Structure formats: structure tokens, C-alpha cells
Full PDB file with SEQRES, HELIX, SHEET, SSBOND, CRYST1, ORIGX, SCALE, CONECT and MASTER records, all heavy atoms in Angstrom:
SEQRES   1 A   42  VAL SER MET PRO ASP GLY THR SER ALA ALA PHE TYR ARG          
SEQRES   2 A   42  ARG GLN PRO GLU GLN PHE ARG ASP LEU LEU ARG ARG THR          
SEQRES   3 A   42  VAL GLU ILE HIS GLN ARG LEU HIS ARG GLU TRP PRO ARG          
SEQRES   4 A   42  LEU ALA GLN                                                  
HELIX    1 AA1 PRO A   16  ALA A   41  1                                  26    
CRYST1    1.000    1.000    1.000  90.00  90.00  90.00 P 1           1          
ORIGX1      1.000000  0.000000  0.000000        0.00000                         
ORIGX2      0.000000  1.000000  0.000000        0.00000                         
ORIGX3      0.000000  0.000000  1.000000        0.00000                         
SCALE1      1.000000  0.000000  0.000000        0.00000                         
SCALE2      0.000000  1.000000  0.000000        0.00000                         
SCALE3      0.000000  0.000000  1.000000        0.00000                         
ATOM      1  N   VAL A   1      29.769 144.730  93.720  1.00  0.00           N  
ATOM      2  CA  VAL A   1      28.451 144.121  93.505  1.00  0.00           C  
ATOM      3  C   VAL A   1      27.401 145.106  93.984  1.00  0.00           C  
ATOM      4  O   VAL A   1      27.417 145.548  95.138  1.00  0.00           O  
ATOM      5  CB  VAL A   1      28.340 142.802  94.272  1.00  0.00           C  
ATOM      6  CG1 VAL A   1      26.950 142.195  94.070  1.00  0.00           C  
ATOM      7  CG2 VAL A   1      29.406 141.829  93.834  1.00  0.00           C  
ATOM      8  N   SER A   2      26.488 145.440  93.087  1.00  0.00           N  
ATOM      9  CA  SER A   2      25.407 146.354  93.461  1.00  0.00           C  
ATOM     10  C   SER A   2      24.282 145.608  94.148  1.00  0.00           C  
ATOM     11  O   SER A   2      24.109 144.388  93.956  1.00  0.00           O  
ATOM     12  CB  SER A   2      24.870 147.099  92.231  1.00  0.00           C  
ATOM     13  OG  SER A   2      24.427 146.203  91.241  1.00  0.00           O  
ATOM     14  N   MET A   3      23.484 146.299  94.935  1.00  0.00           N  
ATOM     15  CA  MET A   3      22.363 145.706  95.646  1.00  0.00           C  
ATOM     16  C   MET A   3      21.120 145.696  94.781  1.00  0.00           C  
ATOM     17  O   MET A   3      20.925 146.587  93.945  1.00  0.00           O  
ATOM     18  CB  MET A   3      22.098 146.448  96.939  1.00  0.00           C  
ATOM     19  CG  MET A   3      23.264 146.443  97.930  1.00  0.00           C  
ATOM     20  SD  MET A   3      23.701 144.778  98.510  1.00  0.00           S  
ATOM     21  CE  MET A   3      25.249 144.484  97.606  1.00  0.00           C  
ATOM     22  N   PRO A   4      20.211 144.724  94.968  1.00  0.00           N  
ATOM     23  CA  PRO A   4      19.031 144.609  94.115  1.00  0.00           C  
ATOM     24  C   PRO A   4      18.121 145.811  94.119  1.00  0.00           C  
ATOM     25  O   PRO A   4      17.431 146.076  93.146  1.00  0.00           O  
ATOM     26  CB  PRO A   4      18.314 143.377  94.681  1.00  0.00           C  
ATOM     27  CG  PRO A   4      19.389 142.571  95.325  1.00  0.00           C  
ATOM     28  CD  PRO A   4      20.344 143.567  95.879  1.00  0.00           C  
ATOM     29  N   ASP A   5      18.082 146.572  95.224  1.00  0.00           N  
ATOM     30  CA  ASP A   5      17.191 147.720  95.255  1.00  0.00           C  
ATOM     31  C   ASP A   5      17.789 148.966  94.584  1.00  0.00           C  
ATOM     32  O   ASP A   5      17.154 150.010  94.515  1.00  0.00           O  
ATOM     33  CB  ASP A   5      16.770 148.064  96.692  1.00  0.00           C  
ATOM     34  CG  ASP A   5      17.954 148.423  97.570  1.00  0.00           C  
ATOM     35  OD1 ASP A   5      19.110 148.456  97.094  1.00  0.00           O  
ATOM     36  OD2 ASP A   5      17.748 148.664  98.771  1.00  0.00           O  
ATOM     37  N   GLY A   6      19.018 148.844  94.109  1.00  0.00           N  
ATOM     38  CA  GLY A   6      19.645 149.940  93.361  1.00  0.00           C  
ATOM     39  C   GLY A   6      20.148 151.103  94.185  1.00  0.00           C  
ATOM     40  O   GLY A   6      20.567 152.113  93.640  1.00  0.00           O  
ATOM     41  N   THR A   7      20.197 150.954  95.509  1.00  0.00           N  
ATOM     42  CA  THR A   7      20.594 152.082  96.346  1.00  0.00           C  
ATOM     43  C   THR A   7      22.054 152.085  96.729  1.00  0.00           C  
ATOM     44  O   THR A   7      22.562 153.093  97.188  1.00  0.00           O  
ATOM     45  CB  THR A   7      19.763 152.059  97.653  1.00  0.00           C  
ATOM     46  OG1 THR A   7      20.040 150.851  98.365  1.00  0.00           O  
ATOM     47  CG2 THR A   7      18.282 152.143  97.384  1.00  0.00           C  
ATOM     48  N   SER A   8      22.771 150.982  96.530  1.00  0.00           N  
ATOM     49  CA  SER A   8      24.135 150.912  97.030  1.00  0.00           C  
ATOM     50  C   SER A   8      24.871 149.750  96.403  1.00  0.00           C  
ATOM     51  O   SER A   8      24.316 148.963  95.629  1.00  0.00           O  
ATOM     52  CB  SER A   8      24.143 150.764  98.566  1.00  0.00           C  
ATOM     53  OG  SER A   8      23.416 149.625  98.934  1.00  0.00           O  
ATOM     54  N   ALA A   9      26.168 149.654  96.779  1.00  0.00           N  
ATOM     55  CA  ALA A   9      27.011 148.547  96.273  1.00  0.00           C  
ATOM     56  C   ALA A   9      28.046 148.216  97.353  1.00  0.00           C  
ATOM     57  O   ALA A   9      28.250 148.981  98.304  1.00  0.00           O  
ATOM     58  CB  ALA A   9      27.689 148.911  94.974  1.00  0.00           C  
ATOM     59  N   ALA A  10      28.682 147.054  97.203  1.00  0.00           N  
ATOM     60  CA  ALA A  10      29.704 146.621  98.135  1.00  0.00           C  
ATOM     61  C   ALA A  10      30.920 146.100  97.362  1.00  0.00           C  
ATOM     62  O   ALA A  10      30.795 145.662  96.236  1.00  0.00           O  
ATOM     63  CB  ALA A  10      29.164 145.534  99.059  1.00  0.00           C  
ATOM     64  N   PHE A  11      32.091 146.149  98.000  1.00  0.00           N  
ATOM     65  CA  PHE A  11      33.341 145.672  97.414  1.00  0.00           C  
ATOM     66  C   PHE A  11      33.627 144.321  98.027  1.00  0.00           C  
ATOM     67  O   PHE A  11      34.155 144.203  99.135  1.00  0.00           O  
ATOM     68  CB  PHE A  11      34.446 146.701  97.748  1.00  0.00           C  
ATOM     69  CG  PHE A  11      35.776 146.418  97.083  1.00  0.00           C  
ATOM     70  CD1 PHE A  11      35.966 145.339  96.234  1.00  0.00           C  
ATOM     71  CD2 PHE A  11      36.857 147.261  97.325  1.00  0.00           C  
ATOM     72  CE1 PHE A  11      37.202 145.096  95.615  1.00  0.00           C  
ATOM     73  CE2 PHE A  11      38.116 147.009  96.723  1.00  0.00           C  
ATOM     74  CZ  PHE A  11      38.272 145.931  95.873  1.00  0.00           C  
ATOM     75  N   TYR A  12      33.251 143.255  97.313  1.00  0.00           N  
ATOM     76  CA  TYR A  12      33.500 141.899  97.780  1.00  0.00           C  
ATOM     77  C   TYR A  12      34.987 141.541  97.577  1.00  0.00           C  
ATOM     78  O   TYR A  12      35.564 141.861  96.552  1.00  0.00           O  
ATOM     79  CB  TYR A  12      32.696 140.888  96.954  1.00  0.00           C  
ATOM     80  CG  TYR A  12      31.205 140.812  97.233  1.00  0.00           C  
ATOM     81  CD1 TYR A  12      30.518 141.811  97.905  1.00  0.00           C  
ATOM     82  CD2 TYR A  12      30.469 139.712  96.790  1.00  0.00           C  
ATOM     83  CE1 TYR A  12      29.156 141.735  98.130  1.00  0.00           C  
ATOM     84  CE2 TYR A  12      29.110 139.600  97.020  1.00  0.00           C  
ATOM     85  CZ  TYR A  12      28.458 140.632  97.674  1.00  0.00           C  
ATOM     86  OH  TYR A  12      27.108 140.556  97.912  1.00  0.00           O  
ATOM     87  N   ARG A  13      35.545 140.881  98.584  1.00  0.00           N  
ATOM     88  CA  ARG A  13      36.926 140.371  98.473  1.00  0.00           C  
ATOM     89  C   ARG A  13      36.997 138.949  98.971  1.00  0.00           C  
ATOM     90  O   ARG A  13      36.439 138.629 100.019  1.00  0.00           O  
ATOM     91  CB  ARG A  13      37.925 141.228  99.283  1.00  0.00           C  
ATOM     92  CG  ARG A  13      38.072 142.662  98.834  1.00  0.00           C  
ATOM     93  CD  ARG A  13      39.066 143.375  99.759  1.00  0.00           C  
ATOM     94  NE  ARG A  13      39.285 144.760  99.439  1.00  0.00           N  
ATOM     95  CZ  ARG A  13      38.557 145.761  99.902  1.00  0.00           C  
ATOM     96  NH1 ARG A  13      37.530 145.501 100.730  1.00  0.00           N  
ATOM     97  NH2 ARG A  13      38.812 147.025  99.582  1.00  0.00           N  
ATOM     98  N   ARG A  14      37.672 138.109  98.250  1.00  0.00           N  
ATOM     99  CA  ARG A  14      37.847 136.728  98.680  1.00  0.00           C  
ATOM    100  C   ARG A  14      38.870 136.660  99.798  1.00  0.00           C  
ATOM    101  O   ARG A  14      39.954 137.228  99.719  1.00  0.00           O  
ATOM    102  CB  ARG A  14      38.306 135.861  97.484  1.00  0.00           C  
ATOM    103  CG  ARG A  14      38.382 134.380  97.834  1.00  0.00           C  
ATOM    104  CD  ARG A  14      38.504 133.516  96.580  1.00  0.00           C  
ATOM    105  NE  ARG A  14      39.796 133.686  95.919  1.00  0.00           N  
ATOM    106  CZ  ARG A  14      40.904 133.019  96.256  1.00  0.00           C  
ATOM    107  NH1 ARG A  14      40.881 132.155  97.258  1.00  0.00           N  
ATOM    108  NH2 ARG A  14      42.030 133.197  95.598  1.00  0.00           N  
ATOM    109  N   GLN A  15      38.471 135.968 100.868  1.00  0.00           N  
ATOM    110  CA  GLN A  15      39.319 135.832 102.073  1.00  0.00           C  
ATOM    111  C   GLN A  15      39.504 134.350 102.358  1.00  0.00           C  
ATOM    112  O   GLN A  15      38.681 133.708 103.031  1.00  0.00           O  
ATOM    113  CB  GLN A  15      38.666 136.544 103.279  1.00  0.00           C  
ATOM    114  CG  GLN A  15      38.244 137.959 103.037  1.00  0.00           C  
ATOM    115  CD  GLN A  15      39.419 138.922 102.968  1.00  0.00           C  
ATOM    116  OE1 GLN A  15      40.588 138.512 103.170  1.00  0.00           O  
ATOM    117  NE2 GLN A  15      39.169 140.181 102.683  1.00  0.00           N  
ATOM    118  N   PRO A  16      40.579 133.716 101.843  1.00  0.00           N  
ATOM    119  CA  PRO A  16      40.756 132.263 101.998  1.00  0.00           C  
ATOM    120  C   PRO A  16      40.699 131.745 103.436  1.00  0.00           C  
ATOM    121  O   PRO A  16      40.078 130.733 103.723  1.00  0.00           O  
ATOM    122  CB  PRO A  16      42.119 132.001 101.364  1.00  0.00           C  
ATOM    123  CG  PRO A  16      42.272 133.120 100.376  1.00  0.00           C  
ATOM    124  CD  PRO A  16      41.650 134.297 101.019  1.00  0.00           C  
ATOM    125  N   GLU A  17      41.330 132.460 104.365  1.00  0.00           N  
ATOM    126  CA  GLU A  17      41.332 131.984 105.759  1.00  0.00           C  
ATOM    127  C   GLU A  17      39.942 132.080 106.362  1.00  0.00           C  
ATOM    128  O   GLU A  17      39.501 131.159 107.082  1.00  0.00           O  
ATOM    129  CB  GLU A  17      42.323 132.801 106.614  1.00  0.00           C  
ATOM    130  CG  GLU A  17      43.781 132.516 106.266  1.00  0.00           C  
ATOM    131  CD  GLU A  17      44.720 133.237 107.231  1.00  0.00           C  
ATOM    132  OE1 GLU A  17      44.219 133.799 108.233  1.00  0.00           O  
ATOM    133  OE2 GLU A  17      45.935 133.236 106.946  1.00  0.00           O  
ATOM    134  N   GLN A  18      39.254 133.155 106.075  1.00  0.00           N  
ATOM    135  CA  GLN A  18      37.880 133.295 106.557  1.00  0.00           C  
ATOM    136  C   GLN A  18      36.972 132.210 105.960  1.00  0.00           C  
ATOM    137  O   GLN A  18      36.132 131.645 106.640  1.00  0.00           O  
ATOM    138  CB  GLN A  18      37.364 134.694 106.194  1.00  0.00           C  
ATOM    139  CG  GLN A  18      36.115 135.109 106.954  1.00  0.00           C  
ATOM    140  CD  GLN A  18      35.825 136.587 106.737  1.00  0.00           C  
ATOM    141  OE1 GLN A  18      36.102 137.160 105.688  1.00  0.00           O  
ATOM    142  NE2 GLN A  18      35.228 137.229 107.734  1.00  0.00           N  
ATOM    143  N   PHE A  19      37.191 131.928 104.699  1.00  0.00           N  
ATOM    144  CA  PHE A  19      36.439 130.894 104.018  1.00  0.00           C  
ATOM    145  C   PHE A  19      36.606 129.562 104.752  1.00  0.00           C  
ATOM    146  O   PHE A  19      35.616 128.859 105.035  1.00  0.00           O  
ATOM    147  CB  PHE A  19      36.897 130.758 102.559  1.00  0.00           C  
ATOM    148  CG  PHE A  19      36.307 129.582 101.833  1.00  0.00           C  
ATOM    149  CD1 PHE A  19      35.146 129.738 101.071  1.00  0.00           C  
ATOM    150  CD2 PHE A  19      36.900 128.339 101.890  1.00  0.00           C  
ATOM    151  CE1 PHE A  19      34.597 128.654 100.416  1.00  0.00           C  
ATOM    152  CE2 PHE A  19      36.353 127.240 101.230  1.00  0.00           C  
ATOM    153  CZ  PHE A  19      35.185 127.410 100.487  1.00  0.00           C  
ATOM    154  N   ARG A  20      37.840 129.205 105.050  1.00  0.00           N  
ATOM    155  CA  ARG A  20      38.078 127.884 105.642  1.00  0.00           C  
ATOM    156  C   ARG A  20      37.496 127.790 107.062  1.00  0.00           C  
ATOM    157  O   ARG A  20      36.958 126.742 107.451  1.00  0.00           O  
ATOM    158  CB  ARG A  20      39.587 127.585 105.665  1.00  0.00           C  
ATOM    159  CG  ARG A  20      40.141 127.310 104.267  1.00  0.00           C  
ATOM    160  CD  ARG A  20      41.552 126.779 104.309  1.00  0.00           C  
ATOM    161  NE  ARG A  20      42.524 127.811 104.636  1.00  0.00           N  
ATOM    162  CZ  ARG A  20      43.142 128.582 103.760  1.00  0.00           C  
ATOM    163  NH1 ARG A  20      42.867 128.460 102.468  1.00  0.00           N  
ATOM    164  NH2 ARG A  20      44.045 129.466 104.125  1.00  0.00           N  
ATOM    165  N   ASP A  21      37.560 128.874 107.813  1.00  0.00           N  
ATOM    166  CA  ASP A  21      36.973 128.888 109.156  1.00  0.00           C  
ATOM    167  C   ASP A  21      35.470 128.752 109.111  1.00  0.00           C  
ATOM    168  O   ASP A  21      34.868 127.948 109.839  1.00  0.00           O  
ATOM    169  CB  ASP A  21      37.355 130.171 109.910  1.00  0.00           C  
ATOM    170  CG  ASP A  21      36.716 130.239 111.272  1.00  0.00           C  
ATOM    171  OD1 ASP A  21      37.033 129.405 112.110  1.00  0.00           O  
ATOM    172  OD2 ASP A  21      35.882 131.158 111.482  1.00  0.00           O  
ATOM    173  N   LEU A  22      34.846 129.514 108.234  1.00  0.00           N  
ATOM    174  CA  LEU A  22      33.380 129.465 108.105  1.00  0.00           C  
ATOM    175  C   LEU A  22      32.930 128.120 107.568  1.00  0.00           C  
ATOM    176  O   LEU A  22      31.885 127.606 107.969  1.00  0.00           O  
ATOM    177  CB  LEU A  22      32.890 130.607 107.224  1.00  0.00           C  
ATOM    178  CG  LEU A  22      33.010 132.025 107.798  1.00  0.00           C  
ATOM    179  CD1 LEU A  22      32.711 133.068 106.730  1.00  0.00           C  
ATOM    180  CD2 LEU A  22      32.047 132.194 108.989  1.00  0.00           C  
ATOM    181  N   LEU A  23      33.709 127.548 106.661  1.00  0.00           N  
ATOM    182  CA  LEU A  23      33.342 126.243 106.125  1.00  0.00           C  
ATOM    183  C   LEU A  23      33.413 125.169 107.199  1.00  0.00           C  
ATOM    184  O   LEU A  23      32.535 124.304 107.299  1.00  0.00           O  
ATOM    185  CB  LEU A  23      34.266 125.881 104.949  1.00  0.00           C  
ATOM    186  CG  LEU A  23      33.996 124.503 104.320  1.00  0.00           C  
ATOM    187  CD1 LEU A  23      32.596 124.435 103.708  1.00  0.00           C  
ATOM    188  CD2 LEU A  23      35.038 124.230 103.234  1.00  0.00           C  
ATOM    189  N   ARG A  24      34.446 125.228 108.000  1.00  0.00           N  
ATOM    190  CA  ARG A  24      34.582 124.269 109.093  1.00  0.00           C  
ATOM    191  C   ARG A  24      33.373 124.339 110.038  1.00  0.00           C  
ATOM    192  O   ARG A  24      32.773 123.305 110.386  1.00  0.00           O  
ATOM    193  CB  ARG A  24      35.870 124.515 109.888  1.00  0.00           C  
ATOM    194  CG  ARG A  24      36.031 123.616 111.128  1.00  0.00           C  
ATOM    195  CD  ARG A  24      37.230 124.046 111.953  1.00  0.00           C  
ATOM    196  NE  ARG A  24      37.165 125.453 112.360  1.00  0.00           N  
ATOM    197  CZ  ARG A  24      36.415 125.903 113.379  1.00  0.00           C  
ATOM    198  NH1 ARG A  24      35.661 125.060 114.068  1.00  0.00           N  
ATOM    199  NH2 ARG A  24      36.402 127.201 113.688  1.00  0.00           N  
ATOM    200  N   ARG A  25      32.992 125.520 110.422  1.00  0.00           N  
ATOM    201  CA  ARG A  25      31.866 125.726 111.329  1.00  0.00           C  
ATOM    202  C   ARG A  25      30.534 125.279 110.651  1.00  0.00           C  
ATOM    203  O   ARG A  25      29.638 124.746 111.295  1.00  0.00           O  
ATOM    204  CB  ARG A  25      31.787 127.159 111.772  1.00  0.00           C  
ATOM    205  CG  ARG A  25      32.932 127.571 112.692  1.00  0.00           C  
ATOM    206  CD  ARG A  25      32.986 129.077 112.861  1.00  0.00           C  
ATOM    207  NE  ARG A  25      31.741 129.625 113.371  1.00  0.00           N  
ATOM    208  CZ  ARG A  25      31.354 130.909 113.216  1.00  0.00           C  
ATOM    209  NH1 ARG A  25      32.152 131.749 112.578  1.00  0.00           N  
ATOM    210  NH2 ARG A  25      30.206 131.317 113.702  1.00  0.00           N  
ATOM    211  N   THR A  26      30.441 125.531 109.353  1.00  0.00           N  
ATOM    212  CA  THR A  26      29.236 125.125 108.597  1.00  0.00           C  
ATOM    213  C   THR A  26      29.092 123.628 108.604  1.00  0.00           C  
ATOM    214  O   THR A  26      28.000 123.100 108.839  1.00  0.00           O  
ATOM    215  CB  THR A  26      29.327 125.670 107.152  1.00  0.00           C  
ATOM    216  OG1 THR A  26      29.219 127.091 107.168  1.00  0.00           O  
ATOM    217  CG2 THR A  26      28.235 125.093 106.296  1.00  0.00           C  
ATOM    218  N   VAL A  27      30.183 122.916 108.340  1.00  0.00           N  
ATOM    219  CA  VAL A  27      30.149 121.445 108.351  1.00  0.00           C  
ATOM    220  C   VAL A  27      29.738 120.926 109.723  1.00  0.00           C  
ATOM    221  O   VAL A  27      28.858 120.065 109.857  1.00  0.00           O  
ATOM    222  CB  VAL A  27      31.506 120.858 107.930  1.00  0.00           C  
ATOM    223  CG1 VAL A  27      31.525 119.349 108.161  1.00  0.00           C  
ATOM    224  CG2 VAL A  27      31.801 121.177 106.473  1.00  0.00           C  
ATOM    225  N   GLU A  28      30.353 121.477 110.765  1.00  0.00           N  
ATOM    226  CA  GLU A  28      30.074 120.985 112.115  1.00  0.00           C  
ATOM    227  C   GLU A  28      28.626 121.197 112.530  1.00  0.00           C  
ATOM    228  O   GLU A  28      27.997 120.278 113.068  1.00  0.00           O  
ATOM    229  CB  GLU A  28      31.007 121.710 113.123  1.00  0.00           C  
ATOM    230  CG  GLU A  28      32.477 121.293 113.001  1.00  0.00           C  
ATOM    231  CD  GLU A  28      33.384 122.140 113.883  1.00  0.00           C  
ATOM    232  OE1 GLU A  28      32.862 123.103 114.516  1.00  0.00           O  
ATOM    233  OE2 GLU A  28      34.582 121.832 113.960  1.00  0.00           O  
ATOM    234  N   ILE A  29      28.086 122.375 112.254  1.00  0.00           N  
ATOM    235  CA  ILE A  29      26.738 122.644 112.760  1.00  0.00           C  
ATOM    236  C   ILE A  29      25.671 121.896 111.985  1.00  0.00           C  
ATOM    237  O   ILE A  29      24.646 121.488 112.521  1.00  0.00           O  
ATOM    238  CB  ILE A  29      26.455 124.172 112.745  1.00  0.00           C  
ATOM    239  CG1 ILE A  29      25.340 124.488 113.756  1.00  0.00           C  
ATOM    240  CG2 ILE A  29      26.094 124.703 111.360  1.00  0.00           C  
ATOM    241  CD1 ILE A  29      25.197 125.962 114.115  1.00  0.00           C  
ATOM    242  N   HIS A  30      25.935 121.636 110.694  1.00  0.00           N  
ATOM    243  CA  HIS A  30      24.956 120.887 109.930  1.00  0.00           C  
ATOM    244  C   HIS A  30      24.995 119.398 110.271  1.00  0.00           C  
ATOM    245  O   HIS A  30      23.932 118.726 110.249  1.00  0.00           O  
ATOM    246  CB  HIS A  30      25.151 121.127 108.406  1.00  0.00           C  
ATOM    247  CG  HIS A  30      24.636 122.458 107.967  1.00  0.00           C  
ATOM    248  ND1 HIS A  30      25.369 123.633 108.060  1.00  0.00           N  
ATOM    249  CD2 HIS A  30      23.427 122.821 107.462  1.00  0.00           C  
ATOM    250  CE1 HIS A  30      24.652 124.622 107.618  1.00  0.00           C  
ATOM    251  NE2 HIS A  30      23.464 124.187 107.256  1.00  0.00           N  
ATOM    252  N   GLN A  31      26.175 118.883 110.581  1.00  0.00           N  
ATOM    253  CA  GLN A  31      26.229 117.524 111.076  1.00  0.00           C  
ATOM    254  C   GLN A  31      25.468 117.382 112.394  1.00  0.00           C  
ATOM    255  O   GLN A  31      24.726 116.434 112.602  1.00  0.00           O  
ATOM    256  CB  GLN A  31      27.680 117.119 111.263  1.00  0.00           C  
ATOM    257  CG  GLN A  31      28.457 116.857 109.971  1.00  0.00           C  
ATOM    258  CD  GLN A  31      29.899 116.543 110.217  1.00  0.00           C  
ATOM    259  OE1 GLN A  31      30.489 116.928 111.237  1.00  0.00           O  
ATOM    260  NE2 GLN A  31      30.519 115.845 109.269  1.00  0.00           N  
ATOM    261  N   ARG A  32      25.635 118.378 113.231  1.00  0.00           N  
ATOM    262  CA  ARG A  32      24.922 118.374 114.507  1.00  0.00           C  
ATOM    263  C   ARG A  32      23.420 118.483 114.325  1.00  0.00           C  
ATOM    264  O   ARG A  32      22.628 117.840 115.016  1.00  0.00           O  
ATOM    265  CB  ARG A  32      25.458 119.507 115.383  1.00  0.00           C  
ATOM    266  CG  ARG A  32      24.872 119.546 116.761  1.00  0.00           C  
ATOM    267  CD  ARG A  32      25.347 120.772 117.560  1.00  0.00           C  
ATOM    268  NE  ARG A  32      24.663 120.895 118.829  1.00  0.00           N  
ATOM    269  CZ  ARG A  32      24.659 121.979 119.566  1.00  0.00           C  
ATOM    270  NH1 ARG A  32      25.322 123.077 119.164  1.00  0.00           N  
ATOM    271  NH2 ARG A  32      23.979 122.021 120.701  1.00  0.00           N  
ATOM    272  N   LEU A  33      23.013 119.336 113.373  1.00  0.00           N  
ATOM    273  CA  LEU A  33      21.570 119.505 113.100  1.00  0.00           C  
ATOM    274  C   LEU A  33      20.935 118.183 112.686  1.00  0.00           C  
ATOM    275  O   LEU A  33      19.862 117.807 113.187  1.00  0.00           O  
ATOM    276  CB  LEU A  33      21.391 120.524 111.971  1.00  0.00           C  
ATOM    277  CG  LEU A  33      20.964 121.947 112.327  1.00  0.00           C  
ATOM    278  CD1 LEU A  33      20.877 122.783 111.077  1.00  0.00           C  
ATOM    279  CD2 LEU A  33      19.609 121.951 113.059  1.00  0.00           C  
ATOM    280  N   HIS A  34      21.581 117.493 111.791  1.00  0.00           N  
ATOM    281  CA  HIS A  34      21.042 116.210 111.329  1.00  0.00           C  
ATOM    282  C   HIS A  34      20.950 115.219 112.468  1.00  0.00           C  
ATOM    283  O   HIS A  34      19.962 114.477 112.626  1.00  0.00           O  
ATOM    284  CB  HIS A  34      21.895 115.654 110.188  1.00  0.00           C  
ATOM    285  CG  HIS A  34      21.369 114.368 109.635  1.00  0.00           C  
ATOM    286  ND1 HIS A  34      21.735 113.121 110.113  1.00  0.00           N  
ATOM    287  CD2 HIS A  34      20.481 114.131 108.638  1.00  0.00           C  
ATOM    288  CE1 HIS A  34      21.104 112.185 109.432  1.00  0.00           C  
ATOM    289  NE2 HIS A  34      20.335 112.748 108.532  1.00  0.00           N  
ATOM    290  N   ARG A  35      21.972 115.223 113.273  1.00  0.00           N  
ATOM    291  CA  ARG A  35      22.063 114.253 114.378  1.00  0.00           C  
ATOM    292  C   ARG A  35      21.003 114.544 115.471  1.00  0.00           C  
ATOM    293  O   ARG A  35      20.394 113.619 116.000  1.00  0.00           O  
ATOM    294  CB  ARG A  35      23.479 114.315 114.974  1.00  0.00           C  
ATOM    295  CG  ARG A  35      23.770 113.268 116.037  1.00  0.00           C  
ATOM    296  CD  ARG A  35      25.244 113.258 116.399  1.00  0.00           C  
ATOM    297  NE  ARG A  35      25.702 114.523 116.949  1.00  0.00           N  
ATOM    298  CZ  ARG A  35      26.547 115.379 116.328  1.00  0.00           C  
ATOM    299  NH1 ARG A  35      27.008 115.079 115.116  1.00  0.00           N  
ATOM    300  NH2 ARG A  35      26.923 116.502 116.886  1.00  0.00           N  
ATOM    301  N   GLU A  36      20.802 115.834 115.754  1.00  0.00           N  
ATOM    302  CA  GLU A  36      19.932 116.175 116.886  1.00  0.00           C  
ATOM    303  C   GLU A  36      18.524 116.609 116.482  1.00  0.00           C  
ATOM    304  O   GLU A  36      17.743 117.058 117.336  1.00  0.00           O  
ATOM    305  CB  GLU A  36      20.595 117.303 117.708  1.00  0.00           C  
ATOM    306  CG  GLU A  36      21.923 116.909 118.307  1.00  0.00           C  
ATOM    307  CD  GLU A  36      22.448 117.938 119.279  1.00  0.00           C  
ATOM    308  OE1 GLU A  36      21.618 118.627 119.927  1.00  0.00           O  
ATOM    309  OE2 GLU A  36      23.683 118.077 119.393  1.00  0.00           O  
ATOM    310  N   TRP A  37      18.214 116.472 115.180  1.00  0.00           N  
ATOM    311  CA  TRP A  37      16.874 116.908 114.729  1.00  0.00           C  
ATOM    312  C   TRP A  37      15.729 116.297 115.544  1.00  0.00           C  
ATOM    313  O   TRP A  37      14.826 117.043 115.995  1.00  0.00           O  
ATOM    314  CB  TRP A  37      16.712 116.619 113.252  1.00  0.00           C  
ATOM    315  CG  TRP A  37      15.441 117.194 112.670  1.00  0.00           C  
ATOM    316  CD1 TRP A  37      14.185 116.666 112.778  1.00  0.00           C  
ATOM    317  CD2 TRP A  37      15.307 118.423 111.969  1.00  0.00           C  
ATOM    318  NE1 TRP A  37      13.290 117.499 112.149  1.00  0.00           N  
ATOM    319  CE2 TRP A  37      13.935 118.571 111.648  1.00  0.00           C  
ATOM    320  CE3 TRP A  37      16.217 119.400 111.549  1.00  0.00           C  
ATOM    321  CZ2 TRP A  37      13.455 119.665 110.929  1.00  0.00           C  
ATOM    322  CZ3 TRP A  37      15.735 120.485 110.819  1.00  0.00           C  
ATOM    323  CH2 TRP A  37      14.380 120.612 110.530  1.00  0.00           C  
ATOM    324  N   PRO A  38      15.686 114.976 115.736  1.00  0.00           N  
ATOM    325  CA  PRO A  38      14.558 114.411 116.486  1.00  0.00           C  
ATOM    326  C   PRO A  38      14.402 115.009 117.901  1.00  0.00           C  
ATOM    327  O   PRO A  38      13.267 115.289 118.337  1.00  0.00           O  
ATOM    328  CB  PRO A  38      14.898 112.916 116.541  1.00  0.00           C  
ATOM    329  CG  PRO A  38      15.743 112.682 115.337  1.00  0.00           C  
ATOM    330  CD  PRO A  38      16.588 113.933 115.227  1.00  0.00           C  
ATOM    331  N   ARG A  39      15.517 115.227 118.566  1.00  0.00           N  
ATOM    332  CA  ARG A  39      15.438 115.805 119.914  1.00  0.00           C  
ATOM    333  C   ARG A  39      14.931 117.231 119.872  1.00  0.00           C  
ATOM    334  O   ARG A  39      14.047 117.638 120.663  1.00  0.00           O  
ATOM    335  CB  ARG A  39      16.816 115.791 120.586  1.00  0.00           C  
ATOM    336  CG  ARG A  39      16.847 116.451 121.961  1.00  0.00           C  
ATOM    337  CD  ARG A  39      18.258 116.641 122.488  1.00  0.00           C  
ATOM    338  NE  ARG A  39      19.006 117.636 121.706  1.00  0.00           N  
ATOM    339  CZ  ARG A  39      18.884 118.948 121.835  1.00  0.00           C  
ATOM    340  NH1 ARG A  39      17.973 119.457 122.658  1.00  0.00           N  
ATOM    341  NH2 ARG A  39      19.620 119.775 121.117  1.00  0.00           N  
ATOM    342  N   LEU A  40      15.447 118.043 118.924  1.00  0.00           N  
ATOM    343  CA  LEU A  40      15.014 119.436 118.808  1.00  0.00           C  
ATOM    344  C   LEU A  40      13.550 119.534 118.452  1.00  0.00           C  
ATOM    345  O   LEU A  40      12.804 120.369 118.975  1.00  0.00           O  
ATOM    346  CB  LEU A  40      15.870 120.143 117.755  1.00  0.00           C  
ATOM    347  CG  LEU A  40      17.282 120.502 118.160  1.00  0.00           C  
ATOM    348  CD1 LEU A  40      18.095 120.927 116.939  1.00  0.00           C  
ATOM    349  CD2 LEU A  40      17.303 121.615 119.214  1.00  0.00           C  
ATOM    350  N   ALA A  41      13.122 118.663 117.519  1.00  0.00           N  
ATOM    351  CA  ALA A  41      11.697 118.679 117.114  1.00  0.00           C  
ATOM    352  C   ALA A  41      10.802 118.395 118.293  1.00  0.00           C  
ATOM    353  O   ALA A  41       9.771 119.069 118.499  1.00  0.00           O  
ATOM    354  CB  ALA A  41      11.453 117.676 115.999  1.00  0.00           C  
ATOM    355  N   GLN A  42      11.171 117.456 119.110  1.00  0.00           N  
ATOM    356  CA  GLN A  42      10.378 117.117 120.286  1.00  0.00           C  
ATOM    357  C   GLN A  42      10.342 118.308 121.272  1.00  0.00           C  
ATOM    358  O   GLN A  42       9.310 118.606 121.860  1.00  0.00           O  
ATOM    359  CB  GLN A  42      10.970 115.887 120.963  1.00  0.00           C  
ATOM    360  CG  GLN A  42      10.148 115.383 122.157  1.00  0.00           C  
ATOM    361  CD  GLN A  42      10.725 114.123 122.756  1.00  0.00           C  
ATOM    362  OE1 GLN A  42      11.857 113.747 122.500  1.00  0.00           O  
ATOM    363  NE2 GLN A  42       9.932 113.436 123.582  1.00  0.00           N  
TER     364      GLN A  42                                                      
MASTER        0    0    0    1    0    0    0    6  363    1    0    4          
END                                                                             
């Protein structure tokens, strides 16, 4: 995949285990965000 500025590119590879770990953390932190939004805003 080339970069938008045209200066470089990267070799993307699908990593199933990494995907699942990052997805788990993504779900957890967004649930927490929704739950704690009023406290954080204050």
C-alpha cells in the first residue's frame, strides 16, 4: 500500500491473533468510554 504523499509504501499483512487482541481491547475501552462519559466530562 502506497502512502498518499507518494513518498513511500508499506507491506500490510493480516495478523489474525493481533486482530483479535486489538478487537477485544477496542470493545472494552469503548464500553468504558460510554459508561464513564458523564464523569470524564465533569
